[in-house]
Amino acid sequence: MNYVYVLKNPSSKAIYVGFTTDLQQRVRQHQAREHRGWELAYYEAYRDESEARLRERKLKQYGATLGHLKARIRRSLGLGALE
């Protein structure tokens, strides 16, 4: 399985979007290094790797796409009202 995931910093509104084939391992790697303390807020599972990578790219490159996702999961991200 292929995953697109969103990590959030519990002490700010910062988020990180990524891709992996092993979600649990990747979250552990983030916890051990650059995103210590960040939480998994959301993920999507894809059978096709190219579809997952395309979704990740769209979330990273197109603000409107990420904005729509934030609107869908704003409580999970701790954003309250949209920015």
PDB file of N, CA and C in Angstrom:
ATOM      1  N   MET A   1       0.845  -1.175   0.000  1.00  0.00           N
ATOM      2  CA  MET A   1       0.000   0.000   0.000  1.00  0.00           C
ATOM      3  C   MET A   1       0.893   1.241   0.000  1.00  0.00           C
ATOM      4  N   ASN A   2       0.384   2.323  -0.555  1.00  0.00           N
ATOM      5  CA  ASN A   2       1.089   3.600  -0.650  1.00  0.00           C
ATOM      6  C   ASN A   2       0.283   4.661   0.087  1.00  0.00           C
ATOM      7  N   TYR A   3       0.961   5.500   0.829  1.00  0.00           N
ATOM      8  CA  TYR A   3       0.267   6.455   1.694  1.00  0.00           C
ATOM      9  C   TYR A   3       0.739   7.880   1.456  1.00  0.00           C
ATOM     10  N   VAL A   4      -0.210   8.791   1.470  1.00  0.00           N
ATOM     11  CA  VAL A   4       0.058  10.220   1.554  1.00  0.00           C
ATOM     12  C   VAL A   4      -0.412  10.607   2.944  1.00  0.00           C
ATOM     13  N   TYR A   5       0.431  11.316   3.685  1.00  0.00           N
ATOM     14  CA  TYR A   5       0.100  11.582   5.074  1.00  0.00           C
ATOM     15  C   TYR A   5       0.363  13.036   5.434  1.00  0.00           C
ATOM     16  N   VAL A   6      -0.279  13.461   6.519  1.00  0.00           N
ATOM     17  CA  VAL A   6      -0.104  14.817   7.033  1.00  0.00           C
ATOM     18  C   VAL A   6       0.279  14.711   8.504  1.00  0.00           C
ATOM     19  N   LEU A   7       1.416  15.311   8.835  1.00  0.00           N
ATOM     20  CA  LEU A   7       1.827  15.442  10.231  1.00  0.00           C
ATOM     21  C   LEU A   7       1.535  16.872  10.671  1.00  0.00           C
ATOM     22  N   LYS A   8       1.213  17.042  11.952  1.00  0.00           N
ATOM     23  CA  LYS A   8       1.008  18.397  12.460  1.00  0.00           C
ATOM     24  C   LYS A   8       1.828  18.612  13.711  1.00  0.00           C
ATOM     25  N   ASN A   9       2.280  19.837  13.858  1.00  0.00           N
ATOM     26  CA  ASN A   9       3.005  20.250  15.047  1.00  0.00           C
ATOM     27  C   ASN A   9       1.965  20.667  16.077  1.00  0.00           C
ATOM     28  N   PRO A  10       1.889  19.982  17.211  1.00  0.00           N
ATOM     29  CA  PRO A  10       0.850  20.299  18.192  1.00  0.00           C
ATOM     30  C   PRO A  10       1.001  21.677  18.829  1.00  0.00           C
ATOM     31  N   SER A  11       2.176  22.281  18.749  1.00  0.00           N
ATOM     32  CA  SER A  11       2.372  23.587  19.374  1.00  0.00           C
ATOM     33  C   SER A  11       2.274  24.748  18.390  1.00  0.00           C
ATOM     34  N   SER A  12       1.987  24.459  17.127  1.00  0.00           N
ATOM     35  CA  SER A  12       1.806  25.519  16.135  1.00  0.00           C
ATOM     36  C   SER A  12       0.848  25.010  15.064  1.00  0.00           C
ATOM     37  N   LYS A  13       0.661  25.796  14.031  1.00  0.00           N
ATOM     38  CA  LYS A  13      -0.219  25.392  12.932  1.00  0.00           C
ATOM     39  C   LYS A  13       0.557  24.776  11.775  1.00  0.00           C
ATOM     40  N   ALA A  14       1.818  24.480  11.981  1.00  0.00           N
ATOM     41  CA  ALA A  14       2.654  23.916  10.934  1.00  0.00           C
ATOM     42  C   ALA A  14       2.236  22.485  10.615  1.00  0.00           C
ATOM     43  N   ILE A  15       2.289  22.152   9.330  1.00  0.00           N
ATOM     44  CA  ILE A  15       2.004  20.787   8.893  1.00  0.00           C
ATOM     45  C   ILE A  15       3.094  20.334   7.931  1.00  0.00           C
ATOM     46  N   TYR A  16       3.163  19.021   7.754  1.00  0.00           N
ATOM     47  CA  TYR A  16       4.101  18.407   6.823  1.00  0.00           C
ATOM     48  C   TYR A  16       3.332  17.374   6.026  1.00  0.00           C
ATOM     49  N   VAL A  17       3.502  17.376   4.711  1.00  0.00           N
ATOM     50  CA  VAL A  17       2.856  16.406   3.827  1.00  0.00           C
ATOM     51  C   VAL A  17       3.935  15.498   3.264  1.00  0.00           C
ATOM     52  N   GLY A  18       3.685  14.190   3.280  1.00  0.00           N
ATOM     53  CA  GLY A  18       4.676  13.252   2.771  1.00  0.00           C
ATOM     54  C   GLY A  18       4.058  12.027   2.120  1.00  0.00           C
ATOM     55  N   PHE A  19       4.919  11.190   1.566  1.00  0.00           N
ATOM     56  CA  PHE A  19       4.547   9.929   0.905  1.00  0.00           C
ATOM     57  C   PHE A  19       5.395   8.822   1.494  1.00  0.00           C
ATOM     58  N   THR A  20       4.803   7.626   1.621  1.00  0.00           N
ATOM     59  CA  THR A  20       5.557   6.461   2.082  1.00  0.00           C
ATOM     60  C   THR A  20       4.830   5.183   1.685  1.00  0.00           C
ATOM     61  N   THR A  21       5.568   4.082   1.729  1.00  0.00           N
ATOM     62  CA  THR A  21       4.951   2.772   1.541  1.00  0.00           C
ATOM     63  C   THR A  21       4.761   2.055   2.871  1.00  0.00           C
ATOM     64  N   ASP A  22       5.355   2.590   3.934  1.00  0.00           N
ATOM     65  CA  ASP A  22       5.214   2.019   5.277  1.00  0.00           C
ATOM     66  C   ASP A  22       4.922   3.164   6.250  1.00  0.00           C
ATOM     67  N   LEU A  23       3.662   3.414   6.495  1.00  0.00           N
ATOM     68  CA  LEU A  23       3.248   4.573   7.272  1.00  0.00           C
ATOM     69  C   LEU A  23       3.771   4.540   8.702  1.00  0.00           C
ATOM     70  N   GLN A  24       3.635   3.424   9.379  1.00  0.00           N
ATOM     71  CA  GLN A  24       4.080   3.354  10.772  1.00  0.00           C
ATOM     72  C   GLN A  24       5.576   3.608  10.901  1.00  0.00           C
ATOM     73  N   GLN A  25       6.367   2.991  10.038  1.00  0.00           N
ATOM     74  CA  GLN A  25       7.813   3.182  10.081  1.00  0.00           C
ATOM     75  C   GLN A  25       8.175   4.639   9.786  1.00  0.00           C
ATOM     76  N   ARG A  26       7.520   5.238   8.810  1.00  0.00           N
ATOM     77  CA  ARG A  26       7.841   6.619   8.435  1.00  0.00           C
ATOM     78  C   ARG A  26       7.512   7.601   9.556  1.00  0.00           C
ATOM     79  N   VAL A  27       6.390   7.397  10.229  1.00  0.00           N
ATOM     80  CA  VAL A  27       6.040   8.266  11.355  1.00  0.00           C
ATOM     81  C   VAL A  27       7.075   8.123  12.468  1.00  0.00           C
ATOM     82  N   ARG A  28       7.512   6.904  12.720  1.00  0.00           N
ATOM     83  CA  ARG A  28       8.566   6.693  13.726  1.00  0.00           C
ATOM     84  C   ARG A  28       9.855   7.414  13.332  1.00  0.00           C
ATOM     85  N   GLN A  29      10.200   7.377  12.047  1.00  0.00           N
ATOM     86  CA  GLN A  29      11.398   8.071  11.582  1.00  0.00           C
ATOM     87  C   GLN A  29      11.281   9.574  11.808  1.00  0.00           C
ATOM     88  N   HIS A  30      10.129  10.128  11.507  1.00  0.00           N
ATOM     89  CA  HIS A  30       9.910  11.555  11.749  1.00  0.00           C
ATOM     90  C   HIS A  30      10.057  11.867  13.235  1.00  0.00           C
ATOM     91  N   GLN A  31       9.487  11.023  14.069  1.00  0.00           N
ATOM     92  CA  GLN A  31       9.545  11.244  15.516  1.00  0.00           C
ATOM     93  C   GLN A  31      10.988  11.217  16.019  1.00  0.00           C
ATOM     94  N   ALA A  32      11.819  10.426  15.405  1.00  0.00           N
ATOM     95  CA  ALA A  32      13.201  10.289  15.846  1.00  0.00           C
ATOM     96  C   ALA A  32      14.091  11.424  15.347  1.00  0.00           C
ATOM     97  N   ARG A  33      13.644  12.135  14.330  1.00  0.00           N
ATOM     98  CA  ARG A  33      14.508  13.155  13.734  1.00  0.00           C
ATOM     99  C   ARG A  33      13.828  14.508  13.645  1.00  0.00           C
ATOM    100  N   GLU A  34      13.522  14.902  12.431  1.00  0.00           N
ATOM    101  CA  GLU A  34      13.152  16.290  12.155  1.00  0.00           C
ATOM    102  C   GLU A  34      11.800  16.755  12.678  1.00  0.00           C
ATOM    103  N   HIS A  35      10.901  15.856  12.981  1.00  0.00           N
ATOM    104  CA  HIS A  35       9.566  16.263  13.437  1.00  0.00           C
ATOM    105  C   HIS A  35       9.222  15.629  14.782  1.00  0.00           C
ATOM    106  N   ARG A  36      10.143  15.677  15.689  1.00  0.00           N
ATOM    107  CA  ARG A  36       9.935  15.117  17.031  1.00  0.00           C
ATOM    108  C   ARG A  36       8.732  15.788  17.685  1.00  0.00           C
ATOM    109  N   GLY A  37       7.804  14.970  18.177  1.00  0.00           N
ATOM    110  CA  GLY A  37       6.618  15.495  18.850  1.00  0.00           C
ATOM    111  C   GLY A  37       5.445  15.772  17.932  1.00  0.00           C
ATOM    112  N   TRP A  38       5.689  15.749  16.621  1.00  0.00           N
ATOM    113  CA  TRP A  38       4.594  15.984  15.685  1.00  0.00           C
ATOM    114  C   TRP A  38       3.676  14.772  15.682  1.00  0.00           C
ATOM    115  N   GLU A  39       2.423  14.984  15.302  1.00  0.00           N
ATOM    116  CA  GLU A  39       1.415  13.921  15.338  1.00  0.00           C
ATOM    117  C   GLU A  39       0.877  13.636  13.938  1.00  0.00           C
ATOM    118  N   LEU A  40       0.544  12.379  13.700  1.00  0.00           N
ATOM    119  CA  LEU A  40      -0.123  12.015  12.460  1.00  0.00           C
ATOM    120  C   LEU A  40      -1.545  12.538  12.535  1.00  0.00           C
ATOM    121  N   ALA A  41      -1.912  13.418  11.608  1.00  0.00           N
ATOM    122  CA  ALA A  41      -3.237  14.035  11.625  1.00  0.00           C
ATOM    123  C   ALA A  41      -4.167  13.416  10.593  1.00  0.00           C
ATOM    124  N   TYR A  42      -3.595  12.866   9.500  1.00  0.00           N
ATOM    125  CA  TYR A  42      -4.434  12.405   8.397  1.00  0.00           C
ATOM    126  C   TYR A  42      -3.593  11.555   7.457  1.00  0.00           C
ATOM    127  N   TYR A  43      -4.230  10.595   6.811  1.00  0.00           N
ATOM    128  CA  TYR A  43      -3.547   9.878   5.733  1.00  0.00           C
ATOM    129  C   TYR A  43      -4.561   9.349   4.731  1.00  0.00           C
ATOM    130  N   GLU A  44      -4.079   9.105   3.533  1.00  0.00           N
ATOM    131  CA  GLU A  44      -4.856   8.497   2.461  1.00  0.00           C
ATOM    132  C   GLU A  44      -4.069   7.296   1.967  1.00  0.00           C
ATOM    133  N   ALA A  45      -4.756   6.204   1.663  1.00  0.00           N
ATOM    134  CA  ALA A  45      -4.104   4.985   1.170  1.00  0.00           C
ATOM    135  C   ALA A  45      -4.430   4.787  -0.309  1.00  0.00           C
ATOM    136  N   TYR A  46      -3.415   4.404  -1.074  1.00  0.00           N
ATOM    137  CA  TYR A  46      -3.550   4.168  -2.511  1.00  0.00           C
ATOM    138  C   TYR A  46      -2.908   2.830  -2.860  1.00  0.00           C
ATOM    139  N   ARG A  47      -3.512   2.115  -3.758  1.00  0.00           N
ATOM    140  CA  ARG A  47      -2.890   0.890  -4.273  1.00  0.00           C
ATOM    141  C   ARG A  47      -1.807   1.224  -5.280  1.00  0.00           C
ATOM    142  N   ASP A  48      -2.039   2.271  -6.052  1.00  0.00           N
ATOM    143  CA  ASP A  48      -1.129   2.646  -7.124  1.00  0.00           C
ATOM    144  C   ASP A  48      -0.155   3.725  -6.643  1.00  0.00           C
ATOM    145  N   GLU A  49       1.136   3.450  -6.724  1.00  0.00           N
ATOM    146  CA  GLU A  49       2.150   4.390  -6.253  1.00  0.00           C
ATOM    147  C   GLU A  49       2.106   5.699  -7.013  1.00  0.00           C
ATOM    148  N   SER A  50       1.911   5.642  -8.314  1.00  0.00           N
ATOM    149  CA  SER A  50       1.914   6.886  -9.095  1.00  0.00           C
ATOM    150  C   SER A  50       0.761   7.805  -8.687  1.00  0.00           C
ATOM    151  N   GLU A  51      -0.372   7.238  -8.333  1.00  0.00           N
ATOM    152  CA  GLU A  51      -1.502   8.053  -7.865  1.00  0.00           C
ATOM    153  C   GLU A  51      -1.178   8.714  -6.527  1.00  0.00           C
ATOM    154  N   ALA A  52      -0.548   7.978  -5.638  1.00  0.00           N
ATOM    155  CA  ALA A  52      -0.173   8.535  -4.331  1.00  0.00           C
ATOM    156  C   ALA A  52       0.854   9.652  -4.498  1.00  0.00           C
ATOM    157  N   ARG A  53       1.842   9.438  -5.343  1.00  0.00           N
ATOM    158  CA  ARG A  53       2.860  10.468  -5.548  1.00  0.00           C
ATOM    159  C   ARG A  53       2.271  11.707  -6.216  1.00  0.00           C
ATOM    160  N   LEU A  54       1.327  11.518  -7.113  1.00  0.00           N
ATOM    161  CA  LEU A  54       0.652  12.647  -7.746  1.00  0.00           C
ATOM    162  C   LEU A  54      -0.139  13.448  -6.714  1.00  0.00           C
ATOM    163  N   ARG A  55      -0.841  12.760  -5.831  1.00  0.00           N
ATOM    164  CA  ARG A  55      -1.605  13.437  -4.777  1.00  0.00           C
ATOM    165  C   ARG A  55      -0.670  14.227  -3.855  1.00  0.00           C
ATOM    166  N   GLU A  56       0.447  13.629  -3.462  1.00  0.00           N
ATOM    167  CA  GLU A  56       1.410  14.329  -2.615  1.00  0.00           C
ATOM    168  C   GLU A  56       1.908  15.589  -3.320  1.00  0.00           C
ATOM    169  N   ARG A  57       2.262  15.465  -4.583  1.00  0.00           N
ATOM    170  CA  ARG A  57       2.776  16.603  -5.346  1.00  0.00           C
ATOM    171  C   ARG A  57       1.742  17.723  -5.425  1.00  0.00           C
ATOM    172  N   LYS A  58       0.481  17.352  -5.661  1.00  0.00           N
ATOM    173  CA  LYS A  58      -0.572  18.372  -5.741  1.00  0.00           C
ATOM    174  C   LYS A  58      -0.755  19.079  -4.404  1.00  0.00           C
ATOM    175  N   LEU A  59      -0.693  18.328  -3.310  1.00  0.00           N
ATOM    176  CA  LEU A  59      -0.826  18.947  -1.998  1.00  0.00           C
ATOM    177  C   LEU A  59       0.330  19.892  -1.698  1.00  0.00           C
ATOM    178  N   LYS A  60       1.523  19.557  -2.173  1.00  0.00           N
ATOM    179  CA  LYS A  60       2.686  20.392  -1.905  1.00  0.00           C
ATOM    180  C   LYS A  60       2.781  21.590  -2.844  1.00  0.00           C
ATOM    181  N   GLN A  61       2.324  21.446  -4.089  1.00  0.00           N
ATOM    182  CA  GLN A  61       2.531  22.492  -5.081  1.00  0.00           C
ATOM    183  C   GLN A  61       1.353  23.440  -5.270  1.00  0.00           C
ATOM    184  N   TYR A  62       0.162  22.983  -4.968  1.00  0.00           N
ATOM    185  CA  TYR A  62      -1.012  23.798  -5.244  1.00  0.00           C
ATOM    186  C   TYR A  62      -1.717  24.156  -3.944  1.00  0.00           C
ATOM    187  N   GLY A  63      -1.632  25.416  -3.569  1.00  0.00           N
ATOM    188  CA  GLY A  63      -2.201  25.879  -2.312  1.00  0.00           C
ATOM    189  C   GLY A  63      -3.681  25.582  -2.174  1.00  0.00           C
ATOM    190  N   ALA A  64      -4.429  25.675  -3.262  1.00  0.00           N
ATOM    191  CA  ALA A  64      -5.869  25.428  -3.196  1.00  0.00           C
ATOM    192  C   ALA A  64      -6.158  23.975  -2.824  1.00  0.00           C
ATOM    193  N   THR A  65      -5.369  23.050  -3.336  1.00  0.00           N
ATOM    194  CA  THR A  65      -5.571  21.639  -3.017  1.00  0.00           C
ATOM    195  C   THR A  65      -5.345  21.397  -1.533  1.00  0.00           C
ATOM    196  N   LEU A  66      -4.276  21.944  -0.995  1.00  0.00           N
ATOM    197  CA  LEU A  66      -3.999  21.800   0.429  1.00  0.00           C
ATOM    198  C   LEU A  66      -5.064  22.526   1.246  1.00  0.00           C
ATOM    199  N   GLY A  67      -5.529  23.657   0.766  1.00  0.00           N
ATOM    200  CA  GLY A  67      -6.586  24.397   1.453  1.00  0.00           C
ATOM    201  C   GLY A  67      -7.870  23.598   1.558  1.00  0.00           C
ATOM    202  N   HIS A  68      -8.229  22.889   0.486  1.00  0.00           N
ATOM    203  CA  HIS A  68      -9.428  22.041   0.513  1.00  0.00           C
ATOM    204  C   HIS A  68      -9.261  20.906   1.523  1.00  0.00           C
ATOM    205  N   LEU A  69      -8.075  20.316   1.566  1.00  0.00           N
ATOM    206  CA  LEU A  69      -7.825  19.245   2.532  1.00  0.00           C
ATOM    207  C   LEU A  69      -7.894  19.785   3.958  1.00  0.00           C
ATOM    208  N   LYS A  70      -7.299  20.940   4.195  1.00  0.00           N
ATOM    209  CA  LYS A  70      -7.364  21.549   5.524  1.00  0.00           C
ATOM    210  C   LYS A  70      -8.809  21.798   5.946  1.00  0.00           C
ATOM    211  N   ALA A  71      -9.628  22.228   5.002  1.00  0.00           N
ATOM    212  CA  ALA A  71     -11.042  22.478   5.315  1.00  0.00           C
ATOM    213  C   ALA A  71     -11.736  21.192   5.738  1.00  0.00           C
ATOM    214  N   ARG A  72     -11.396  20.098   5.079  1.00  0.00           N
ATOM    215  CA  ARG A  72     -12.008  18.807   5.409  1.00  0.00           C
ATOM    216  C   ARG A  72     -11.571  18.289   6.760  1.00  0.00           C
ATOM    217  N   ILE A  73     -10.348  18.571   7.166  1.00  0.00           N
ATOM    218  CA  ILE A  73      -9.810  17.973   8.394  1.00  0.00           C
ATOM    219  C   ILE A  73      -9.381  19.033   9.406  1.00  0.00           C
ATOM    220  N   ARG A  74      -9.982  20.208   9.384  1.00  0.00           N
ATOM    221  CA  ARG A  74      -9.514  21.323  10.228  1.00  0.00           C
ATOM    222  C   ARG A  74      -9.527  20.990  11.708  1.00  0.00           C
ATOM    223  N   ARG A  75     -10.488  20.219  12.204  1.00  0.00           N
ATOM    224  CA  ARG A  75     -10.478  19.857  13.625  1.00  0.00           C
ATOM    225  C   ARG A  75      -9.275  18.995  13.952  1.00  0.00           C
ATOM    226  N   SER A  76      -8.967  18.051  13.085  1.00  0.00           N
ATOM    227  CA  SER A  76      -7.822  17.169  13.312  1.00  0.00           C
ATOM    228  C   SER A  76      -6.523  17.976  13.312  1.00  0.00           C
ATOM    229  N   LEU A  77      -6.464  19.009  12.488  1.00  0.00           N
ATOM    230  CA  LEU A  77      -5.268  19.835  12.402  1.00  0.00           C
ATOM    231  C   LEU A  77      -5.231  20.897  13.497  1.00  0.00           C
ATOM    232  N   GLY A  78      -6.328  21.057  14.232  1.00  0.00           N
ATOM    233  CA  GLY A  78      -6.363  22.051  15.295  1.00  0.00           C
ATOM    234  C   GLY A  78      -6.382  23.467  14.758  1.00  0.00           C
ATOM    235  N   LEU A  79      -6.978  23.657  13.579  1.00  0.00           N
ATOM    236  CA  LEU A  79      -6.976  24.973  12.956  1.00  0.00           C
ATOM    237  C   LEU A  79      -8.193  25.805  13.303  1.00  0.00           C
ATOM    238  N   GLY A  80      -9.241  25.192  13.801  1.00  0.00           N
ATOM    239  CA  GLY A  80     -10.456  25.957  14.087  1.00  0.00           C
ATOM    240  C   GLY A  80     -11.005  26.544  12.797  1.00  0.00           C
ATOM    241  N   ALA A  81     -11.271  27.812  12.790  1.00  0.00           N
ATOM    242  CA  ALA A  81     -11.768  28.478  11.586  1.00  0.00           C
ATOM    243  C   ALA A  81     -10.670  28.497  10.531  1.00  0.00           C
ATOM    244  N   LEU A  82     -11.067  28.496   9.286  1.00  0.00           N
ATOM    245  CA  LEU A  82     -10.098  28.522   8.197  1.00  0.00           C
ATOM    246  C   LEU A  82      -9.337  29.832   8.181  1.00  0.00           C
ATOM    247  N   GLU A  83      -8.095  29.740   7.776  1.00  0.00           N
ATOM    248  CA  GLU A  83      -7.235  30.921   7.727  1.00  0.00           C
ATOM    249  C   GLU A  83      -7.373  31.608   6.405  1.00  0.00           C
TER     250      GLU A  83
END
